Amino acid sequence: MANQIVLCNSNIIIKLLRSDVKTKNQFKLTVNDNIALSIITVTEIFYGAKKSEIQSIKEIFSGFGIYHLDVNNTKKFSELVAS
């Protein structure tokens, strides 16, 4: 899986935070450098988190690339959907 990015959505992150064994085992098969989150996923996780969880979530997120959205991302998405 070299040079491919795995973009995790909030469902995957929630399962990891809840220590879901199946998800953790699958996650271990992926090189950590290749795992990324969108800014939307980060926002969703922080929105649903308890105040006591915020620091540990920040620490977990520090190990991932975080992709921010801009107009170019939106245009590319609409092109992919239209094709």
Protein backbone atom coordinates (compact mmCIF):
# COMPACT_ATOMS: atom_id res chain seq x y z
CA MET A 1 0.00 0.00 0.00
CA ALA A 2 2.97 2.27 -0.53
CA ASN A 3 2.22 5.87 -1.47
CA GLN A 4 -1.52 5.42 -0.97
CA ILE A 5 -3.39 7.42 1.61
CA VAL A 6 -6.13 5.83 3.70
CA LEU A 7 -8.63 8.54 4.61
CA CYS A 8 -10.51 7.41 7.72
CA ASN A 9 -13.99 8.65 8.45
CA SER A 10 -15.43 9.31 11.89
CA ASN A 11 -16.95 5.81 12.20
CA ILE A 12 -13.48 4.24 12.06
CA ILE A 13 -12.02 6.71 14.55
CA ILE A 14 -14.93 6.17 16.96
CA LYS A 15 -14.39 2.40 16.78
CA LEU A 16 -10.69 2.89 17.50
CA LEU A 17 -11.44 5.15 20.46
CA ARG A 18 -13.84 2.49 21.77
CA SER A 19 -11.12 -0.17 21.39
CA ASP A 20 -13.01 -2.23 18.79
CA VAL A 21 -10.76 -5.28 18.34
CA LYS A 22 -11.62 -5.98 14.69
CA THR A 23 -11.00 -2.35 13.70
CA LYS A 24 -7.73 -2.18 15.68
CA ASN A 25 -6.46 -5.35 14.01
CA GLN A 26 -7.29 -4.00 10.54
CA PHE A 27 -5.73 -0.67 11.44
CA LYS A 28 -2.45 -2.38 12.41
CA LEU A 29 -2.15 -3.71 8.85
CA THR A 30 -1.93 -0.16 7.50
CA VAL A 31 1.27 1.84 7.74
CA ASN A 32 0.56 4.75 10.10
CA ASP A 33 2.24 7.25 7.77
CA ASN A 34 -0.44 6.46 5.20
CA ILE A 35 -3.44 7.18 7.44
CA ALA A 36 -5.10 10.57 7.24
CA LEU A 37 -8.22 12.34 8.43
CA SER A 38 -10.28 15.07 6.85
CA ILE A 39 -10.94 18.22 8.80
CA ILE A 40 -14.62 17.21 8.78
CA THR A 41 -13.82 13.97 10.62
CA VAL A 42 -11.71 15.84 13.16
CA THR A 43 -14.56 18.31 13.73
CA GLU A 44 -17.14 15.52 14.13
CA ILE A 45 -15.01 13.70 16.70
CA PHE A 46 -14.36 16.82 18.76
CA TYR A 47 -18.05 17.76 18.57
CA GLY A 48 -19.09 14.38 20.00
CA ALA A 49 -16.32 14.11 22.59
CA LYS A 50 -16.63 14.61 26.30
CA LYS A 51 -14.44 17.35 27.78
CA SER A 52 -12.41 14.69 29.59
CA GLU A 53 -11.56 13.04 26.25
CA ILE A 54 -10.30 16.10 24.37
CA GLN A 55 -6.62 15.88 25.37
CA SER A 56 -6.28 12.19 24.52
CA ILE A 57 -8.03 12.76 21.18
CA LYS A 58 -5.61 15.59 20.39
CA GLU A 59 -2.71 13.25 21.11
CA ILE A 60 -4.16 10.54 18.87
CA PHE A 61 -4.82 13.02 16.05
CA SER A 62 -1.26 14.37 16.23
CA GLY A 63 -0.11 11.12 14.63
CA PHE A 64 -2.22 11.56 11.49
CA GLY A 65 -2.10 13.79 8.47
CA ILE A 66 -5.14 16.07 8.43
CA TYR A 67 -6.54 17.20 5.12
CA HIS A 68 -8.22 20.58 4.97
CA LEU A 69 -10.85 21.40 2.39
CA ASP A 70 -10.72 24.17 -0.14
CA VAL A 71 -12.42 25.07 -3.40
CA ASN A 72 -10.14 22.77 -5.40
CA ASN A 73 -11.12 19.80 -3.21
CA THR A 74 -14.77 20.59 -3.74
CA LYS A 75 -14.36 20.90 -7.50
CA LYS A 76 -12.50 17.58 -7.68
CA PHE A 77 -15.20 15.90 -5.62
CA SER A 78 -17.95 17.19 -7.90
CA GLU A 79 -16.01 15.96 -10.95
CA LEU A 80 -15.64 12.50 -9.42
CA VAL A 81 -19.31 12.31 -8.52
CA ALA A 82 -20.35 13.43 -12.00
CA SER A 83 -18.20 10.81 -13.77
